[in-house]
Amino acid sequence: MLALLQRVSCAAVTVNRQVVGQIGQGLLVLVSVHADDSVPDIAWTAQKLLTLRIFPHGEKAYDLDIVAAQGALLVVSNFTLAAETARGRRPSLSPAAPPDEARPLFELLLRRLRESPVPVASGQFAADMQIALTNEGPTTFLLDSRPHRPPTTAAKTG
């Protein structure tokens, strides 16, 4: 799972000219579910979103997590984040999970985050959305759950 985090002073998502999610201080999180993501990827990503110390405190630029900073999360599905762009001129979207597989994992991520004390707003899955934000810093980070998966136990042959 990929998550692009932007520390914001405000952000809002609009669908069909209606605001469907908005926050003040916190994180705008663009999320892409990969085709091979599973529940452990969701758990890792949710934990990291809640505990990553990327908010300022006193003289320290990155000292508080979102809970301590009393921020909010605006979580938006964005399958293009998983695009393969290394070859050719047209991005390949095949690394992203198909919508019927991605939706339950994205919704599970939202449920996990909503179990925390952090207010959570979201966009609308698979909708054409417009996002307005004021990025603070700018402070932007990319989370990738894939390197943190436990090694597979499949036997090697040959």
Protein backbone atom coordinates (compact mmCIF):
# COMPACT_ATOMS: atom_id res chain seq x y z
CA MET A 1 0.00 0.00 0.00
CA LEU A 2 1.23 3.43 -0.88
CA ALA A 3 0.22 6.53 1.03
CA LEU A 4 1.33 10.03 0.11
CA LEU A 5 1.07 12.28 3.18
CA GLN A 6 0.92 16.04 3.02
CA ARG A 7 0.91 18.04 6.22
CA VAL A 8 -1.80 20.65 5.79
CA SER A 9 -3.37 23.58 7.58
CA CYS A 10 -6.61 22.76 5.71
CA ALA A 11 -7.84 20.44 2.96
CA ALA A 12 -11.14 19.59 1.32
CA VAL A 13 -12.44 17.07 -1.22
CA THR A 14 -15.27 17.97 -3.56
CA VAL A 15 -17.39 15.60 -5.68
CA ASN A 16 -20.01 17.05 -8.07
CA ARG A 17 -19.55 20.50 -6.50
CA GLN A 18 -20.34 19.13 -3.02
CA VAL A 19 -17.71 19.01 -0.26
CA VAL A 20 -17.61 15.36 0.87
CA GLY A 21 -14.69 15.65 3.30
CA GLN A 22 -12.67 18.42 4.89
CA ILE A 23 -10.22 19.01 7.71
CA GLY A 24 -8.27 21.80 9.35
CA GLN A 25 -4.74 21.05 10.60
CA GLY A 26 -3.60 17.52 9.88
CA LEU A 27 -2.72 15.23 7.01
CA LEU A 28 -4.11 14.83 3.54
CA VAL A 29 -3.42 11.17 2.70
CA LEU A 30 -3.65 9.90 -0.87
CA VAL A 31 -3.89 6.09 -0.75
CA SER A 32 -3.28 3.49 -3.44
CA VAL A 33 -4.00 -0.18 -2.88
CA HIS A 34 -1.62 -2.48 -4.77
CA ALA A 35 -2.88 -5.69 -6.36
CA ASP A 36 -0.97 -7.79 -3.81
CA ASP A 37 -1.91 -5.81 -0.68
CA SER A 38 -3.59 -7.57 2.22
CA VAL A 39 -4.70 -6.90 5.81
CA PRO A 40 -1.14 -6.65 7.21
CA ASP A 41 -0.46 -3.80 4.74
CA ILE A 42 -3.53 -1.99 6.10
CA ALA A 43 -2.46 -2.51 9.71
CA TRP A 44 1.09 -1.25 9.03
CA THR A 45 -0.16 1.80 7.13
CA ALA A 46 -2.76 2.74 9.75
CA GLN A 47 -0.22 2.42 12.57
CA LYS A 48 2.35 4.49 10.68
CA LEU A 49 -0.17 7.23 9.85
CA LEU A 50 -1.07 7.56 13.52
CA THR A 51 2.46 7.42 14.96
CA LEU A 52 4.77 9.10 12.43
CA ARG A 53 6.25 12.16 14.14
CA ILE A 54 5.98 14.83 11.44
CA PHE A 55 4.38 17.78 13.25
CA PRO A 56 6.38 20.62 14.84
CA HIS A 57 6.76 21.20 18.55
CA GLY A 58 8.80 24.10 19.85
CA GLU A 59 12.10 24.25 17.99
CA LYS A 60 11.74 20.72 16.60
CA ALA A 61 10.29 20.54 13.08
CA TYR A 62 9.31 16.86 13.38
CA ASP A 63 8.45 15.97 16.94
CA LEU A 64 4.74 15.18 17.33
CA ASP A 65 2.53 12.53 15.78
CA ILE A 66 -0.98 13.40 14.59
CA VAL A 67 -2.57 12.36 17.89
CA ALA A 68 -0.29 14.61 19.97
CA ALA A 69 -0.66 17.44 17.43
CA GLN A 70 -4.46 17.12 17.71
CA GLY A 71 -4.72 16.98 13.93
CA ALA A 72 -7.18 15.29 11.60
CA LEU A 73 -6.87 12.97 8.61
CA LEU A 74 -8.41 13.42 5.17
CA VAL A 75 -7.97 10.05 3.44
CA VAL A 76 -8.53 9.88 -0.33
CA SER A 77 -8.30 6.85 -2.60
CA ASN A 78 -5.94 7.47 -5.52
CA PHE A 79 -5.17 4.40 -7.65
CA THR A 80 -2.85 6.36 -9.98
CA LEU A 81 -0.30 6.60 -7.17
CA ALA A 82 0.56 2.93 -7.85
CA ALA A 83 1.27 3.58 -11.54
CA GLU A 84 4.45 2.16 -13.06
CA THR A 85 6.20 5.01 -14.85
CA ALA A 86 9.73 3.72 -15.43
CA ARG A 87 9.18 2.49 -18.98
CA GLY A 88 7.52 4.18 -21.89
CA ARG A 89 5.56 7.41 -21.86
CA ARG A 90 2.18 6.12 -20.74
CA PRO A 91 1.80 5.09 -17.07
CA SER A 92 0.83 1.48 -16.48
CA LEU A 93 -1.91 1.19 -13.88
CA SER A 94 -1.66 -2.60 -13.62
CA PRO A 95 0.12 -2.53 -10.21
CA ALA A 96 -3.04 -1.04 -8.64
CA ALA A 97 -5.68 -3.39 -7.30
CA PRO A 98 -8.92 -3.51 -9.30
CA PRO A 99 -11.72 -1.48 -7.68
CA ASP A 100 -13.63 -4.52 -6.38
CA GLU A 101 -10.49 -5.66 -4.52
CA ALA A 102 -9.25 -2.21 -3.50
CA ARG A 103 -12.51 -0.90 -2.03
CA PRO A 104 -12.73 -3.36 0.91
CA LEU A 105 -9.08 -2.75 1.84
CA PHE A 106 -9.48 1.02 1.59
CA GLU A 107 -12.61 0.85 3.75
CA LEU A 108 -10.77 -1.33 6.27
CA LEU A 109 -8.05 1.32 6.47
CA LEU A 110 -10.71 3.96 7.18
CA ARG A 111 -12.27 1.78 9.91
CA ARG A 112 -8.88 1.22 11.57
CA LEU A 113 -8.11 4.93 11.52
CA ARG A 114 -11.56 5.80 12.88
CA GLU A 115 -10.89 3.57 15.90
CA SER A 116 -8.25 6.11 16.94
CA PRO A 117 -8.91 9.44 18.68
CA VAL A 118 -8.06 11.27 15.42
CA PRO A 119 -10.95 12.76 13.41
CA VAL A 120 -11.05 11.08 9.97
CA ALA A 121 -12.72 12.45 6.85
CA SER A 122 -12.53 10.85 3.42
CA GLY A 123 -13.13 11.35 -0.24
CA GLN A 124 -15.49 9.16 -2.24
CA PHE A 125 -14.01 5.90 -3.54
CA ALA A 126 -13.70 5.75 -7.35
CA ALA A 127 -15.22 9.22 -7.82
CA ASP A 128 -13.84 12.08 -9.87
CA MET A 129 -12.68 14.32 -7.02
CA GLN A 130 -11.23 17.79 -6.70
CA ILE A 131 -8.88 18.42 -3.80
CA ALA A 132 -8.02 21.81 -2.35
CA LEU A 133 -5.25 22.04 0.23
CA THR A 134 -2.76 24.28 1.92
CA ASN A 135 0.42 22.26 2.34
CA GLU A 136 2.47 23.29 5.37
CA GLY A 137 6.22 23.33 4.88
CA PRO A 138 5.81 21.95 2.27
CA THR A 139 5.96 18.71 4.19
CA THR A 140 5.27 15.59 2.13
CA PHE A 141 6.15 11.94 2.82
CA LEU A 142 5.62 8.68 0.97
CA LEU A 143 4.75 5.52 2.93
CA ASP A 144 5.12 2.11 1.28
CA SER A 145 4.02 -0.97 3.23
CA ARG A 146 5.58 -3.48 0.82
CA PRO A 147 9.16 -3.44 2.17
CA HIS A 148 7.76 -4.14 5.66
CA ARG A 149 5.96 -7.36 4.81
CA PRO A 150 7.23 -10.50 6.51
CA PRO A 151 9.29 -12.72 4.21
CA THR A 152 7.40 -15.44 2.40
CA THR A 153 7.87 -19.00 3.57
CA ALA A 154 7.63 -20.54 0.11
CA ALA A 155 10.34 -23.14 -0.48
CA LYS A 156 12.89 -22.27 -3.11
CA THR A 157 13.56 -24.79 -5.82
CA GLY A 158 16.57 -25.40 -7.98
